[in-house]
Amino acid sequence: MTLDSLIYPLAMTLHGISAVIWVGGMFFAYVALRPAAATVLAPAERLTLWSQTLQRFFVWVWLAVILLPLTGYWMIFSFFNGFASVGLHVHLMQALGLVMILIYLHVFFAPYQKLRRAVKAENFPEGAKSLAQIRQLVGLNLLIGLVVLVIALGLEHVSL
């Protein structure tokens, strides 16, 4: 077994784990944590929980945002010899992945920072506005992420 024969499986594994962490984390937050927190926590506690939860989760999302393009482009250019040699499903995943990254960057640098500042200042009405914006954008990113997974797991095996 050569180093080259280990690099592709390693890149694919890092790529897959990064996607699972990011999309799975959004799914958990949106489908399980959000409704539970809204039911049992007062607004101040709920906003503090979200601020601290997102702070921890976004460390992992940053890692995913770095690893997904790095491993994806490495596989495309090193293993498949460029975009001309890959199927439409790879082009779709790449385009949707870039949209997801742009949405994440907006969430991180705009409403999330506003949420953190509002929680620190105990300005919970402003924090609630920021959290609502984050919820909408995470919902959109989750939907796109699930579409990318369907493409990756289904369209890879279809000739387009």
N, C-alpha and C. Protein backbone atom coordinates (compact mmCIF):
# COMPACT_ATOMS: atom_id res chain seq x y z
N MET A 1 0.84 -1.17 0.00
CA MET A 1 0.00 0.00 0.00
C MET A 1 0.89 1.24 0.00
N THR A 2 0.63 2.15 -0.95
CA THR A 2 1.43 3.36 -1.06
C THR A 2 0.73 4.52 -0.37
N LEU A 3 1.49 5.60 -0.18
CA LEU A 3 0.93 6.80 0.42
C LEU A 3 -0.22 7.34 -0.44
N ASP A 4 -0.04 7.30 -1.77
CA ASP A 4 -1.09 7.78 -2.67
C ASP A 4 -2.39 7.00 -2.49
N SER A 5 -2.30 5.71 -2.23
CA SER A 5 -3.51 4.91 -2.07
C SER A 5 -4.20 5.19 -0.73
N LEU A 6 -3.51 5.85 0.20
CA LEU A 6 -4.11 6.22 1.48
C LEU A 6 -4.69 7.63 1.48
N ILE A 7 -4.15 8.49 0.64
CA ILE A 7 -4.54 9.90 0.68
C ILE A 7 -5.99 10.10 0.22
N TYR A 8 -6.40 9.44 -0.86
CA TYR A 8 -7.78 9.62 -1.33
C TYR A 8 -8.79 9.17 -0.28
N PRO A 9 -8.64 7.97 0.30
CA PRO A 9 -9.61 7.59 1.35
C PRO A 9 -9.58 8.53 2.56
N LEU A 10 -8.41 9.05 2.90
CA LEU A 10 -8.32 10.01 4.00
C LEU A 10 -9.06 11.29 3.65
N ALA A 11 -8.85 11.80 2.44
CA ALA A 11 -9.53 13.02 1.99
C ALA A 11 -11.04 12.80 1.96
N MET A 12 -11.49 11.67 1.44
CA MET A 12 -12.92 11.37 1.38
C MET A 12 -13.51 11.25 2.78
N THR A 13 -12.77 10.65 3.69
CA THR A 13 -13.24 10.51 5.07
C THR A 13 -13.35 11.86 5.75
N LEU A 14 -12.32 12.70 5.62
CA LEU A 14 -12.38 14.05 6.21
C LEU A 14 -13.52 14.87 5.59
N HIS A 15 -13.72 14.71 4.31
CA HIS A 15 -14.79 15.40 3.61
C HIS A 15 -16.15 14.96 4.17
N GLY A 16 -16.34 13.66 4.26
CA GLY A 16 -17.62 13.13 4.77
C GLY A 16 -17.88 13.49 6.22
N ILE A 17 -16.87 13.36 7.06
CA ILE A 17 -17.04 13.69 8.48
C ILE A 17 -17.35 15.17 8.64
N SER A 18 -16.68 16.02 7.87
CA SER A 18 -16.94 17.46 7.94
C SER A 18 -18.39 17.77 7.57
N ALA A 19 -18.89 17.13 6.52
CA ALA A 19 -20.28 17.34 6.10
C ALA A 19 -21.26 16.84 7.16
N VAL A 20 -20.96 15.69 7.73
CA VAL A 20 -21.84 15.12 8.76
C VAL A 20 -21.90 16.02 9.98
N ILE A 21 -20.75 16.52 10.41
CA ILE A 21 -20.72 17.40 11.59
C ILE A 21 -21.52 18.67 11.32
N TRP A 22 -21.31 19.29 10.17
CA TRP A 22 -21.98 20.55 9.87
C TRP A 22 -23.48 20.35 9.66
N VAL A 23 -23.85 19.47 8.76
CA VAL A 23 -25.28 19.27 8.46
C VAL A 23 -25.98 18.59 9.63
N GLY A 24 -25.33 17.63 10.24
CA GLY A 24 -25.93 16.96 11.40
C GLY A 24 -26.12 17.91 12.57
N GLY A 25 -25.15 18.80 12.77
CA GLY A 25 -25.27 19.79 13.84
C GLY A 25 -26.43 20.74 13.60
N MET A 26 -26.59 21.16 12.34
CA MET A 26 -27.71 22.04 12.01
C MET A 26 -29.03 21.30 12.20
N PHE A 27 -29.09 20.04 11.80
CA PHE A 27 -30.31 19.24 11.96
C PHE A 27 -30.67 19.12 13.44
N PHE A 28 -29.70 18.77 14.26
CA PHE A 28 -29.94 18.65 15.71
C PHE A 28 -30.43 19.98 16.29
N ALA A 29 -29.73 21.06 15.94
CA ALA A 29 -30.09 22.36 16.50
C ALA A 29 -31.49 22.79 16.07
N TYR A 30 -31.80 22.59 14.81
CA TYR A 30 -33.06 23.08 14.26
C TYR A 30 -34.25 22.20 14.66
N VAL A 31 -34.05 20.90 14.65
CA VAL A 31 -35.17 19.97 14.86
C VAL A 31 -35.34 19.58 16.33
N ALA A 32 -34.27 19.54 17.10
CA ALA A 32 -34.37 19.06 18.47
C ALA A 32 -34.15 20.16 19.51
N LEU A 33 -33.02 20.85 19.44
CA LEU A 33 -32.68 21.83 20.47
C LEU A 33 -33.59 23.04 20.44
N ARG A 34 -33.84 23.59 19.25
CA ARG A 34 -34.65 24.81 19.14
C ARG A 34 -36.04 24.64 19.74
N PRO A 35 -36.80 23.60 19.36
CA PRO A 35 -38.13 23.47 19.95
C PRO A 35 -38.09 23.19 21.46
N ALA A 36 -37.12 22.42 21.91
CA ALA A 36 -37.03 22.13 23.34
C ALA A 36 -36.68 23.39 24.13
N ALA A 37 -35.72 24.15 23.64
CA ALA A 37 -35.32 25.37 24.33
C ALA A 37 -36.47 26.37 24.37
N ALA A 38 -37.22 26.48 23.29
CA ALA A 38 -38.35 27.41 23.24
C ALA A 38 -39.45 27.01 24.21
N THR A 39 -39.57 25.72 24.48
CA THR A 39 -40.62 25.23 25.36
C THR A 39 -40.27 25.39 26.84
N VAL A 40 -39.00 25.17 27.19
CA VAL A 40 -38.67 25.09 28.62
C VAL A 40 -37.86 26.25 29.18
N LEU A 41 -37.34 27.12 28.33
CA LEU A 41 -36.48 28.19 28.83
C LEU A 41 -37.10 29.57 28.63
N ALA A 42 -36.88 30.43 29.59
CA ALA A 42 -37.27 31.83 29.46
C ALA A 42 -36.38 32.48 28.41
N PRO A 43 -36.83 33.58 27.82
CA PRO A 43 -36.05 34.20 26.74
C PRO A 43 -34.59 34.49 27.10
N ALA A 44 -34.31 35.01 28.27
CA ALA A 44 -32.93 35.33 28.64
C ALA A 44 -32.07 34.06 28.68
N GLU A 45 -32.60 33.01 29.26
CA GLU A 45 -31.85 31.75 29.35
C GLU A 45 -31.71 31.11 27.97
N ARG A 46 -32.77 31.18 27.17
CA ARG A 46 -32.73 30.59 25.82
C ARG A 46 -31.68 31.29 24.96
N LEU A 47 -31.65 32.61 25.02
CA LEU A 47 -30.67 33.35 24.22
C LEU A 47 -29.25 33.09 24.69
N THR A 48 -29.06 32.98 25.99
CA THR A 48 -27.73 32.66 26.53
C THR A 48 -27.32 31.25 26.10
N LEU A 49 -28.25 30.31 26.17
CA LEU A 49 -27.97 28.94 25.72
C LEU A 49 -27.55 28.94 24.25
N TRP A 50 -28.30 29.64 23.40
CA TRP A 50 -27.97 29.67 21.97
C TRP A 50 -26.63 30.33 21.71
N SER A 51 -26.36 31.43 22.40
CA SER A 51 -25.08 32.11 22.21
C SER A 51 -23.91 31.19 22.54
N GLN A 52 -24.02 30.49 23.66
CA GLN A 52 -22.94 29.59 24.07
C GLN A 52 -22.88 28.33 23.21
N THR A 53 -24.04 27.82 22.82
CA THR A 53 -24.07 26.62 21.96
C THR A 53 -23.45 26.93 20.61
N LEU A 54 -23.86 28.05 20.02
CA LEU A 54 -23.31 28.42 18.70
C LEU A 54 -21.81 28.70 18.78
N GLN A 55 -21.37 29.29 19.89
CA GLN A 55 -19.93 29.54 20.05
C GLN A 55 -19.16 28.23 19.95
N ARG A 56 -19.64 27.19 20.57
CA ARG A 56 -18.96 25.89 20.52
C ARG A 56 -19.12 25.21 19.15
N PHE A 57 -20.33 25.25 18.62
CA PHE A 57 -20.61 24.60 17.34
C PHE A 57 -19.83 25.26 16.20
N PHE A 58 -19.74 26.60 16.23
CA PHE A 58 -19.09 27.30 15.13
C PHE A 58 -17.60 27.01 15.04
N VAL A 59 -16.96 26.56 16.10
CA VAL A 59 -15.57 26.11 16.00
C VAL A 59 -15.50 24.93 15.03
N TRP A 60 -16.45 24.02 15.15
CA TRP A 60 -16.49 22.84 14.28
C TRP A 60 -16.92 23.21 12.87
N VAL A 61 -17.83 24.18 12.75
CA VAL A 61 -18.24 24.60 11.41
C VAL A 61 -17.08 25.26 10.68
N TRP A 62 -16.28 26.09 11.39
CA TRP A 62 -15.10 26.67 10.75
C TRP A 62 -14.18 25.58 10.21
N LEU A 63 -13.99 24.53 11.00
CA LEU A 63 -13.15 23.42 10.54
C LEU A 63 -13.76 22.78 9.29
N ALA A 64 -15.07 22.58 9.29
CA ALA A 64 -15.75 22.00 8.13
C ALA A 64 -15.65 22.92 6.92
N VAL A 65 -15.82 24.22 7.12
CA VAL A 65 -15.76 25.19 6.03
C VAL A 65 -14.38 25.22 5.39
N ILE A 66 -13.38 24.88 6.16
CA ILE A 66 -12.01 24.81 5.62
C ILE A 66 -11.77 23.44 4.96
N LEU A 67 -12.13 22.37 5.67
CA LEU A 67 -11.83 21.03 5.17
C LEU A 67 -12.66 20.62 3.95
N LEU A 68 -13.92 21.03 3.90
CA LEU A 68 -14.75 20.61 2.77
C LEU A 68 -14.20 21.10 1.43
N PRO A 69 -13.93 22.38 1.26
CA PRO A 69 -13.34 22.79 -0.02
C PRO A 69 -11.94 22.21 -0.25
N LEU A 70 -11.11 22.19 0.80
CA LEU A 70 -9.75 21.66 0.62
C LEU A 70 -9.77 20.22 0.14
N THR A 71 -10.52 19.37 0.81
CA THR A 71 -10.56 17.96 0.43
C THR A 71 -11.30 17.78 -0.89
N GLY A 72 -12.38 18.54 -1.09
CA GLY A 72 -13.13 18.41 -2.34
C GLY A 72 -12.30 18.80 -3.55
N TYR A 73 -11.65 19.96 -3.48
CA TYR A 73 -10.83 20.39 -4.61
C TYR A 73 -9.61 19.50 -4.78
N TRP A 74 -9.06 19.02 -3.68
CA TRP A 74 -7.92 18.11 -3.81
C TRP A 74 -8.35 16.86 -4.58
N MET A 75 -9.50 16.29 -4.21
CA MET A 75 -9.96 15.08 -4.90
C MET A 75 -10.25 15.37 -6.38
N ILE A 76 -10.88 16.51 -6.65
CA ILE A 76 -11.21 16.85 -8.05
C ILE A 76 -9.95 16.99 -8.89
N PHE A 77 -8.95 17.71 -8.38
CA PHE A 77 -7.77 17.99 -9.20
C PHE A 77 -6.70 16.91 -9.13
N SER A 78 -6.62 16.20 -8.01
CA SER A 78 -5.58 15.17 -7.89
C SER A 78 -6.04 13.80 -8.33
N PHE A 79 -7.29 13.50 -8.10
CA PHE A 79 -7.77 12.15 -8.40
C PHE A 79 -8.55 12.10 -9.71
N PHE A 80 -9.33 13.16 -9.98
CA PHE A 80 -10.18 13.16 -11.18
C PHE A 80 -9.62 14.05 -12.31
N ASN A 81 -8.48 14.67 -12.09
CA ASN A 81 -7.83 15.52 -13.10
C ASN A 81 -8.66 16.73 -13.53
N GLY A 82 -9.39 17.32 -12.61
CA GLY A 82 -10.09 18.57 -12.87
C GLY A 82 -11.58 18.43 -13.08
N PHE A 83 -12.23 19.59 -13.18
CA PHE A 83 -13.68 19.64 -13.29
C PHE A 83 -14.20 19.02 -14.58
N ALA A 84 -13.42 19.04 -15.63
CA ALA A 84 -13.87 18.47 -16.91
C ALA A 84 -14.09 16.96 -16.80
N SER A 85 -13.49 16.33 -15.80
CA SER A 85 -13.58 14.87 -15.67
C SER A 85 -14.59 14.41 -14.64
N VAL A 86 -15.31 15.33 -14.01
CA VAL A 86 -16.28 14.93 -12.99
C VAL A 86 -17.69 15.12 -13.51
N GLY A 87 -18.62 14.42 -12.89
CA GLY A 87 -20.02 14.50 -13.31
C GLY A 87 -20.71 15.76 -12.82
N LEU A 88 -21.90 15.95 -13.32
CA LEU A 88 -22.71 17.11 -12.94
C LEU A 88 -22.95 17.15 -11.43
N HIS A 89 -23.05 15.98 -10.81
CA HIS A 89 -23.32 15.94 -9.36
C HIS A 89 -22.20 16.65 -8.58
N VAL A 90 -20.96 16.53 -9.03
CA VAL A 90 -19.84 17.20 -8.35
C VAL A 90 -19.94 18.71 -8.54
N HIS A 91 -20.29 19.14 -9.73
CA HIS A 91 -20.46 20.58 -9.98
C HIS A 91 -21.59 21.14 -9.10
N LEU A 92 -22.68 20.40 -8.99
CA LEU A 92 -23.80 20.84 -8.15
C LEU A 92 -23.39 20.91 -6.68
N MET A 93 -22.70 19.88 -6.21
CA MET A 93 -22.26 19.88 -4.80
C MET A 93 -21.32 21.04 -4.53
N GLN A 94 -20.41 21.31 -5.45
CA GLN A 94 -19.48 22.40 -5.27
C GLN A 94 -20.20 23.74 -5.23
N ALA A 95 -21.12 23.96 -6.15
CA ALA A 95 -21.85 25.23 -6.19
C ALA A 95 -22.70 25.41 -4.94
N LEU A 96 -23.44 24.40 -4.56
CA LEU A 96 -24.28 24.50 -3.37
C LEU A 96 -23.44 24.61 -2.10
N GLY A 97 -22.29 23.93 -2.07
CA GLY A 97 -21.38 24.05 -0.93
C GLY A 97 -20.87 25.47 -0.77
N LEU A 98 -20.55 26.12 -1.88
CA LEU A 98 -20.10 27.52 -1.81
C LEU A 98 -21.22 28.43 -1.31
N VAL A 99 -22.44 28.18 -1.74
CA VAL A 99 -23.59 28.96 -1.24
C VAL A 99 -23.72 28.75 0.28
N MET A 100 -23.59 27.51 0.72
CA MET A 100 -23.68 27.23 2.16
C MET A 100 -22.59 27.96 2.94
N ILE A 101 -21.40 27.97 2.41
CA ILE A 101 -20.29 28.66 3.09
C ILE A 101 -20.58 30.16 3.17
N LEU A 102 -21.08 30.74 2.09
CA LEU A 102 -21.40 32.17 2.10
C LEU A 102 -22.50 32.48 3.13
N ILE A 103 -23.51 31.63 3.20
CA ILE A 103 -24.56 31.82 4.20
C ILE A 103 -23.98 31.72 5.60
N TYR A 104 -23.13 30.71 5.82
CA TYR A 104 -22.50 30.56 7.13
C TYR A 104 -21.67 31.80 7.49
N LEU A 105 -20.88 32.28 6.56
CA LEU A 105 -20.06 33.46 6.83
C LEU A 105 -20.92 34.66 7.22
N HIS A 106 -22.05 34.82 6.53
CA HIS A 106 -22.97 35.90 6.90
C HIS A 106 -23.52 35.69 8.30
N VAL A 107 -23.96 34.46 8.59
CA VAL A 107 -24.49 34.17 9.94
C VAL A 107 -23.44 34.48 10.99
N PHE A 108 -22.22 34.02 10.77
CA PHE A 108 -21.18 34.18 11.77
C PHE A 108 -20.83 35.65 12.00
N PHE A 109 -20.64 36.40 10.91
CA PHE A 109 -20.14 37.76 11.03
C PHE A 109 -21.23 38.81 11.25
N ALA A 110 -22.49 38.46 11.03
CA ALA A 110 -23.56 39.46 11.22
C ALA A 110 -24.49 39.07 12.37
N PRO A 111 -25.53 38.25 12.15
CA PRO A 111 -26.48 38.04 13.25
C PRO A 111 -25.89 37.35 14.48
N TYR A 112 -24.93 36.46 14.30
CA TYR A 112 -24.34 35.80 15.47
C TYR A 112 -23.57 36.80 16.34
N GLN A 113 -22.82 37.69 15.71
CA GLN A 113 -22.09 38.70 16.49
C GLN A 113 -23.07 39.64 17.21
N LYS A 114 -24.17 39.98 16.53
CA LYS A 114 -25.21 40.80 17.17
C LYS A 114 -25.83 40.06 18.35
N LEU A 115 -26.06 38.77 18.18
CA LEU A 115 -26.61 37.96 19.28
C LEU A 115 -25.66 37.97 20.47
N ARG A 116 -24.39 37.75 20.23
CA ARG A 116 -23.41 37.74 21.33
C ARG A 116 -23.39 39.08 22.06
N ARG A 117 -23.37 40.17 21.30
CA ARG A 117 -23.36 41.49 21.93
C ARG A 117 -24.64 41.75 22.70
N ALA A 118 -25.77 41.35 22.15
CA ALA A 118 -27.06 41.57 22.82
C ALA A 118 -27.14 40.77 24.11
N VAL A 119 -26.69 39.53 24.09
CA VAL A 119 -26.72 38.70 25.31
C VAL A 119 -25.79 39.30 26.36
N LYS A 120 -24.62 39.72 25.94
CA LYS A 120 -23.67 40.33 26.89
C LYS A 120 -24.25 41.59 27.52
N ALA A 121 -24.98 42.38 26.72
CA ALA A 121 -25.58 43.62 27.21
C ALA A 121 -26.95 43.39 27.86
N GLU A 122 -27.38 42.13 27.86
CA GLU A 122 -28.70 41.76 28.38
C GLU A 122 -29.82 42.50 27.65
N ASN A 123 -29.60 42.73 26.36
CA ASN A 123 -30.61 43.34 25.50
C ASN A 123 -31.32 42.18 24.78
N PHE A 124 -32.22 41.53 25.49
CA PHE A 124 -32.82 40.30 24.99
C PHE A 124 -33.78 40.50 23.82
N PRO A 125 -34.50 41.63 23.72
CA PRO A 125 -35.30 41.83 22.50
C PRO A 125 -34.43 41.88 21.23
N GLU A 126 -33.28 42.55 21.28
CA GLU A 126 -32.38 42.58 20.13
C GLU A 126 -31.78 41.19 19.88
N GLY A 127 -31.45 40.50 20.96
CA GLY A 127 -30.92 39.15 20.82
C GLY A 127 -31.93 38.22 20.16
N ALA A 128 -33.20 38.39 20.51
CA ALA A 128 -34.25 37.56 19.90
C ALA A 128 -34.35 37.82 18.40
N LYS A 129 -34.20 39.07 17.97
CA LYS A 129 -34.22 39.39 16.54
C LYS A 129 -33.06 38.71 15.82
N SER A 130 -31.89 38.76 16.42
CA SER A 130 -30.71 38.12 15.81
C SER A 130 -30.88 36.61 15.76
N LEU A 131 -31.40 36.04 16.83
CA LEU A 131 -31.60 34.59 16.86
C LEU A 131 -32.63 34.17 15.81
N ALA A 132 -33.66 34.97 15.61
CA ALA A 132 -34.66 34.64 14.58
C ALA A 132 -34.02 34.65 13.19
N GLN A 133 -33.13 35.60 12.94
CA GLN A 133 -32.44 35.64 11.65
C GLN A 133 -31.53 34.43 11.50
N ILE A 134 -30.81 34.07 12.56
CA ILE A 134 -29.95 32.89 12.53
C ILE A 134 -30.79 31.65 12.24
N ARG A 135 -31.93 31.53 12.91
CA ARG A 135 -32.81 30.36 12.72
C ARG A 135 -33.22 30.23 11.26
N GLN A 136 -33.62 31.34 10.63
CA GLN A 136 -34.04 31.29 9.23
C GLN A 136 -32.88 30.88 8.32
N LEU A 137 -31.71 31.44 8.55
CA LEU A 137 -30.56 31.14 7.69
C LEU A 137 -30.04 29.72 7.92
N VAL A 138 -30.07 29.27 9.17
CA VAL A 138 -29.67 27.89 9.44
C VAL A 138 -30.68 26.93 8.81
N GLY A 139 -31.95 27.27 8.86
CA GLY A 139 -32.96 26.44 8.20
C GLY A 139 -32.70 26.33 6.71
N LEU A 140 -32.37 27.45 6.08
CA LEU A 140 -32.03 27.45 4.65
C LEU A 140 -30.78 26.62 4.40
N ASN A 141 -29.75 26.82 5.22
CA ASN A 141 -28.51 26.07 5.03
C ASN A 141 -28.72 24.58 5.27
N LEU A 142 -29.56 24.24 6.22
CA LEU A 142 -29.88 22.83 6.47
C LEU A 142 -30.55 22.22 5.24
N LEU A 143 -31.51 22.93 4.68
CA LEU A 143 -32.19 22.44 3.48
C LEU A 143 -31.19 22.23 2.34
N ILE A 144 -30.33 23.21 2.12
CA ILE A 144 -29.32 23.07 1.06
C ILE A 144 -28.39 21.90 1.37
N GLY A 145 -27.96 21.78 2.63
CA GLY A 145 -27.08 20.69 3.02
C GLY A 145 -27.71 19.32 2.79
N LEU A 146 -29.00 19.20 3.06
CA LEU A 146 -29.69 17.92 2.82
C LEU A 146 -29.78 17.64 1.32
N VAL A 147 -29.98 18.68 0.52
CA VAL A 147 -29.98 18.50 -0.94
C VAL A 147 -28.61 18.03 -1.41
N VAL A 148 -27.56 18.62 -0.87
CA VAL A 148 -26.19 18.19 -1.24
C VAL A 148 -25.99 16.72 -0.87
N LEU A 149 -26.47 16.31 0.29
CA LEU A 149 -26.33 14.91 0.68
C LEU A 149 -27.10 13.99 -0.26
N VAL A 150 -28.30 14.39 -0.66
CA VAL A 150 -29.06 13.59 -1.63
C VAL A 150 -28.29 13.48 -2.93
N ILE A 151 -27.72 14.59 -3.37
CA ILE A 151 -26.92 14.57 -4.60
C ILE A 151 -25.72 13.64 -4.43
N ALA A 152 -25.02 13.78 -3.31
CA ALA A 152 -23.82 12.97 -3.09
C ALA A 152 -24.13 11.49 -3.00
N LEU A 153 -25.21 11.17 -2.36
CA LEU A 153 -25.53 9.75 -2.14
C LEU A 153 -26.36 9.14 -3.24
N GLY A 154 -27.05 9.97 -4.02
CA GLY A 154 -27.92 9.43 -5.05
C GLY A 154 -27.45 9.70 -6.46
N LEU A 155 -27.15 10.95 -6.76
CA LEU A 155 -26.81 11.29 -8.14
C LEU A 155 -25.43 10.81 -8.56
N GLU A 156 -24.59 10.51 -7.59
CA GLU A 156 -23.26 10.01 -7.94
C GLU A 156 -23.38 8.75 -8.81
N HIS A 157 -24.45 8.00 -8.61
CA HIS A 157 -24.61 6.73 -9.29
C HIS A 157 -25.51 6.82 -10.52
N VAL A 158 -25.87 8.05 -10.91
CA VAL A 158 -26.73 8.27 -12.06
C VAL A 158 -25.92 9.00 -13.13
N SER A 159 -26.00 8.54 -14.36
CA SER A 159 -25.32 9.23 -15.45
C SER A 159 -26.14 10.42 -15.88
N LEU A 160 -25.56 11.60 -15.77
CA LEU A 160 -26.26 12.83 -16.20
C LEU A 160 -25.52 13.48 -17.34
